[in-house]
């Protein structure tokens, strides 16, 4: 899984490249506010974004 940050309507959002469709980004902003929040949550945070 490749996590990334992107902007939508000028606001930063957490996303992931869609497996098998690496030109598509899945918006994960409902799951966590940014990459640091995922890292801070540890393994539980990674499981949540999966």
PDB file of N, CA and C in Angstrom:
ATOM      1  N   UNK A   1       0.837  -1.165   0.000  1.00  0.00           N
ATOM      2  CA  UNK A   1       0.000   0.000   0.000  1.00  0.00           C
ATOM      3  C   UNK A   1       0.890   1.239   0.000  1.00  0.00           C
ATOM      4  N   UNK A   2       0.568   2.180  -0.873  1.00  0.00           N
ATOM      5  CA  UNK A   2       1.329   3.420  -0.951  1.00  0.00           C
ATOM      6  C   UNK A   2       0.451   4.565  -0.472  1.00  0.00           C
ATOM      7  N   UNK A   3       0.789   5.102   0.711  1.00  0.00           N
ATOM      8  CA  UNK A   3       0.050   6.229   1.266  1.00  0.00           C
ATOM      9  C   UNK A   3       0.633   7.530   0.746  1.00  0.00           C
ATOM     10  N   UNK A   4      -0.207   8.549   0.669  1.00  0.00           N
ATOM     11  CA  UNK A   4       0.238   9.843   0.175  1.00  0.00           C
ATOM     12  C   UNK A   4      -0.679  10.937   0.702  1.00  0.00           C
ATOM     13  N   UNK A   5      -0.227  12.156   0.542  1.00  0.00           N
ATOM     14  CA  UNK A   5      -1.050  13.325   0.838  1.00  0.00           C
ATOM     15  C   UNK A   5      -1.361  14.005  -0.489  1.00  0.00           C
ATOM     16  N   UNK A   6      -2.588  14.523  -0.623  1.00  0.00           N
ATOM     17  CA  UNK A   6      -2.971  15.264  -1.821  1.00  0.00           C
ATOM     18  C   UNK A   6      -3.869  16.422  -1.404  1.00  0.00           C
ATOM     19  N   UNK A   7      -4.131  17.312  -2.316  1.00  0.00           N
ATOM     20  CA  UNK A   7      -5.011  18.450  -2.035  1.00  0.00           C
ATOM     21  C   UNK A   7      -6.306  18.310  -2.816  1.00  0.00           C
ATOM     22  N   UNK A   8      -7.401  18.613  -2.126  1.00  0.00           N
ATOM     23  CA  UNK A   8      -8.720  18.651  -2.758  1.00  0.00           C
ATOM     24  C   UNK A   8      -9.407  19.917  -2.268  1.00  0.00           C
ATOM     25  N   UNK A   9      -9.807  20.752  -3.193  1.00  0.00           N
ATOM     26  CA  UNK A   9     -10.393  22.055  -2.854  1.00  0.00           C
ATOM     27  C   UNK A   9      -9.478  22.843  -1.919  1.00  0.00           C
ATOM     28  N   UNK A  10      -8.160  22.716  -2.143  1.00  0.00           N
ATOM     29  CA  UNK A  10      -7.189  23.465  -1.369  1.00  0.00           C
ATOM     30  C   UNK A  10      -6.875  22.897   0.002  1.00  0.00           C
ATOM     31  N   UNK A  11      -7.516  21.793   0.366  1.00  0.00           N
ATOM     32  CA  UNK A  11      -7.306  21.195   1.687  1.00  0.00           C
ATOM     33  C   UNK A  11      -6.470  19.925   1.566  1.00  0.00           C
ATOM     34  N   UNK A  12      -5.483  19.722   2.456  1.00  0.00           N
ATOM     35  CA  UNK A  12      -4.689  18.492   2.413  1.00  0.00           C
ATOM     36  C   UNK A  12      -5.531  17.299   2.864  1.00  0.00           C
ATOM     37  N   UNK A  13      -5.325  16.170   2.189  1.00  0.00           N
ATOM     38  CA  UNK A  13      -6.060  14.951   2.507  1.00  0.00           C
ATOM     39  C   UNK A  13      -5.123  13.748   2.445  1.00  0.00           C
ATOM     40  N   UNK A  14      -5.436  12.771   3.261  1.00  0.00           N
ATOM     41  CA  UNK A  14      -4.709  11.507   3.243  1.00  0.00           C
ATOM     42  C   UNK A  14      -5.311  10.623   2.170  1.00  0.00           C
ATOM     43  N   UNK A  15      -4.456   9.935   1.434  1.00  0.00           N
ATOM     44  CA  UNK A  15      -4.942   9.031   0.398  1.00  0.00           C
ATOM     45  C   UNK A  15      -4.000   7.855   0.210  1.00  0.00           C
ATOM     46  N   UNK A  16      -4.419   6.951  -0.647  1.00  0.00           N
ATOM     47  CA  UNK A  16      -3.605   5.787  -1.007  1.00  0.00           C
ATOM     48  C   UNK A  16      -3.796   5.522  -2.487  1.00  0.00           C
ATOM     49  N   UNK A  17      -2.724   5.077  -3.132  1.00  0.00           N
ATOM     50  CA  UNK A  17      -2.850   4.660  -4.522  1.00  0.00           C
ATOM     51  C   UNK A  17      -3.644   3.369  -4.545  1.00  0.00           C
ATOM     52  N   UNK A  18      -4.585   3.279  -5.459  1.00  0.00           N
ATOM     53  CA  UNK A  18      -5.434   2.086  -5.565  1.00  0.00           C
ATOM     54  C   UNK A  18      -4.618   0.950  -6.170  1.00  0.00           C
ATOM     55  N   UNK A  19      -4.516  -0.185  -5.472  1.00  0.00           N
ATOM     56  CA  UNK A  19      -3.733  -1.315  -5.988  1.00  0.00           C
ATOM     57  C   UNK A  19      -4.219  -1.747  -7.371  1.00  0.00           C
ATOM     58  N   UNK A  20      -3.280  -1.907  -8.282  1.00  0.00           N
ATOM     59  CA  UNK A  20      -3.608  -2.313  -9.632  1.00  0.00           C
ATOM     60  C   UNK A  20      -4.066  -1.173 -10.529  1.00  0.00           C
ATOM     61  N   UNK A  21      -4.302  -0.013  -9.942  1.00  0.00           N
ATOM     62  CA  UNK A  21      -4.752   1.173 -10.682  1.00  0.00           C
ATOM     63  C   UNK A  21      -3.999   2.379 -10.123  1.00  0.00           C
ATOM     64  N   UNK A  22      -2.696   2.386 -10.272  1.00  0.00           N
ATOM     65  CA  UNK A  22      -1.865   3.376  -9.597  1.00  0.00           C
ATOM     66  C   UNK A  22      -2.043   4.802 -10.108  1.00  0.00           C
ATOM     67  N   UNK A  23      -2.976   5.003 -11.039  1.00  0.00           N
ATOM     68  CA  UNK A  23      -3.297   6.362 -11.456  1.00  0.00           C
ATOM     69  C   UNK A  23      -4.543   6.872 -10.721  1.00  0.00           C
ATOM     70  N   UNK A  24      -5.064   6.064  -9.773  1.00  0.00           N
ATOM     71  CA  UNK A  24      -6.240   6.430  -8.986  1.00  0.00           C
ATOM     72  C   UNK A  24      -5.863   6.546  -7.510  1.00  0.00           C
ATOM     73  N   UNK A  25      -6.402   7.568  -6.860  1.00  0.00           N
ATOM     74  CA  UNK A  25      -6.152   7.787  -5.440  1.00  0.00           C
ATOM     75  C   UNK A  25      -7.445   7.561  -4.670  1.00  0.00           C
ATOM     76  N   UNK A  26      -7.362   6.771  -3.607  1.00  0.00           N
ATOM     77  CA  UNK A  26      -8.489   6.543  -2.715  1.00  0.00           C
ATOM     78  C   UNK A  26      -8.373   7.540  -1.567  1.00  0.00           C
ATOM     79  N   UNK A  27      -9.414   8.314  -1.336  1.00  0.00           N
ATOM     80  CA  UNK A  27      -9.426   9.313  -0.270  1.00  0.00           C
ATOM     81  C   UNK A  27      -9.628   8.617   1.071  1.00  0.00           C
ATOM     82  N   UNK A  28      -8.656   8.768   1.979  1.00  0.00           N
ATOM     83  CA  UNK A  28      -8.725   8.161   3.306  1.00  0.00           C
ATOM     84  C   UNK A  28      -8.911   9.201   4.404  1.00  0.00           C
ATOM     85  N   UNK A  29      -9.326  10.394   4.035  1.00  0.00           N
ATOM     86  CA  UNK A  29      -9.420  11.473   5.018  1.00  0.00           C
ATOM     87  C   UNK A  29     -10.465  11.189   6.093  1.00  0.00           C
ATOM     88  N   UNK A  30     -11.421  10.286   5.852  1.00  0.00           N
ATOM     89  CA  UNK A  30     -12.382   9.908   6.895  1.00  0.00           C
ATOM     90  C   UNK A  30     -11.754   8.968   7.918  1.00  0.00           C
ATOM     91  N   UNK A  31     -10.611   8.371   7.544  1.00  0.00           N
ATOM     92  CA  UNK A  31      -9.938   7.404   8.413  1.00  0.00           C
ATOM     93  C   UNK A  31      -8.920   8.089   9.325  1.00  0.00           C
ATOM     94  N   UNK A  32      -8.138   9.010   8.768  1.00  0.00           N
ATOM     95  CA  UNK A  32      -7.112   9.731   9.531  1.00  0.00           C
ATOM     96  C   UNK A  32      -6.869  11.074   8.866  1.00  0.00           C
ATOM     97  N   UNK A  33      -6.420  12.039   9.653  1.00  0.00           N
ATOM     98  CA  UNK A  33      -6.241  13.391   9.103  1.00  0.00           C
ATOM     99  C   UNK A  33      -4.977  13.532   8.260  1.00  0.00           C
ATOM    100  N   UNK A  34      -3.919  12.722   8.591  1.00  0.00           N
ATOM    101  CA  UNK A  34      -2.677  12.809   7.830  1.00  0.00           C
ATOM    102  C   UNK A  34      -1.806  11.588   8.103  1.00  0.00           C
ATOM    103  N   UNK A  35      -0.657  11.536   7.440  1.00  0.00           N
ATOM    104  CA  UNK A  35       0.249  10.394   7.596  1.00  0.00           C
ATOM    105  C   UNK A  35       0.780  10.268   9.019  1.00  0.00           C
ATOM    106  N   UNK A  36       1.038  11.387   9.665  1.00  0.00           N
ATOM    107  CA  UNK A  36       1.549  11.330  11.034  1.00  0.00           C
ATOM    108  C   UNK A  36       0.541  10.684  11.982  1.00  0.00           C
ATOM    109  N   UNK A  37      -0.736  10.922  11.771  1.00  0.00           N
ATOM    110  CA  UNK A  37      -1.761  10.290  12.611  1.00  0.00           C
ATOM    111  C   UNK A  37      -1.744   8.780  12.426  1.00  0.00           C
ATOM    112  N   UNK A  38      -1.524   8.323  11.203  1.00  0.00           N
ATOM    113  CA  UNK A  38      -1.442   6.878  10.940  1.00  0.00           C
ATOM    114  C   UNK A  38      -0.208   6.303  11.626  1.00  0.00           C
ATOM    115  N   UNK A  39       0.916   6.982  11.496  1.00  0.00           N
ATOM    116  CA  UNK A  39       2.161   6.520  12.127  1.00  0.00           C
ATOM    117  C   UNK A  39       2.019   6.490  13.638  1.00  0.00           C
ATOM    118  N   UNK A  40       1.456   7.541  14.215  1.00  0.00           N
ATOM    119  CA  UNK A  40       1.266   7.604  15.668  1.00  0.00           C
ATOM    120  C   UNK A  40       0.370   6.482  16.179  1.00  0.00           C
ATOM    121  N   UNK A  41      -0.576   6.040  15.362  1.00  0.00           N
ATOM    122  CA  UNK A  41      -1.494   4.970  15.767  1.00  0.00           C
ATOM    123  C   UNK A  41      -0.854   3.586  15.647  1.00  0.00           C
ATOM    124  N   UNK A  42       0.343   3.511  15.046  1.00  0.00           N
ATOM    125  CA  UNK A  42       1.067   2.241  14.952  1.00  0.00           C
ATOM    126  C   UNK A  42       0.355   1.220  14.079  1.00  0.00           C
ATOM    127  N   UNK A  43       0.490  -0.046  14.450  1.00  0.00           N
ATOM    128  CA  UNK A  43      -0.102  -1.135  13.663  1.00  0.00           C
ATOM    129  C   UNK A  43      -1.616  -0.999  13.579  1.00  0.00           C
ATOM    130  N   UNK A  44      -2.226  -0.539  14.644  1.00  0.00           N
ATOM    131  CA  UNK A  44      -3.685  -0.334  14.633  1.00  0.00           C
ATOM    132  C   UNK A  44      -4.076   0.699  13.575  1.00  0.00           C
ATOM    133  N   UNK A  45      -3.287   1.751  13.433  1.00  0.00           N
ATOM    134  CA  UNK A  45      -3.556   2.769  12.435  1.00  0.00           C
ATOM    135  C   UNK A  45      -3.440   2.216  11.023  1.00  0.00           C
ATOM    136  N   UNK A  46      -2.426   1.408  10.779  1.00  0.00           N
ATOM    137  CA  UNK A  46      -2.265   0.798   9.459  1.00  0.00           C
ATOM    138  C   UNK A  46      -3.419  -0.158   9.141  1.00  0.00           C
ATOM    139  N   UNK A  47      -3.827  -0.933  10.115  1.00  0.00           N
ATOM    140  CA  UNK A  47      -4.956  -1.837   9.899  1.00  0.00           C
ATOM    141  C   UNK A  47      -6.220  -1.051   9.559  1.00  0.00           C
ATOM    142  N   UNK A  48      -6.390   0.085  10.204  1.00  0.00           N
ATOM    143  CA  UNK A  48      -7.572   0.910   9.956  1.00  0.00           C
ATOM    144  C   UNK A  48      -7.604   1.462   8.538  1.00  0.00           C
ATOM    145  N   UNK A  49      -6.455   1.877   7.993  1.00  0.00           N
ATOM    146  CA  UNK A  49      -6.452   2.412   6.634  1.00  0.00           C
ATOM    147  C   UNK A  49      -6.558   1.310   5.585  1.00  0.00           C
ATOM    148  N   UNK A  50      -6.195   0.091   5.951  1.00  0.00           N
ATOM    149  CA  UNK A  50      -6.319  -1.025   4.990  1.00  0.00           C
ATOM    150  C   UNK A  50      -7.766  -1.342   4.779  1.00  0.00           C
TER     151      UNK A  50
END
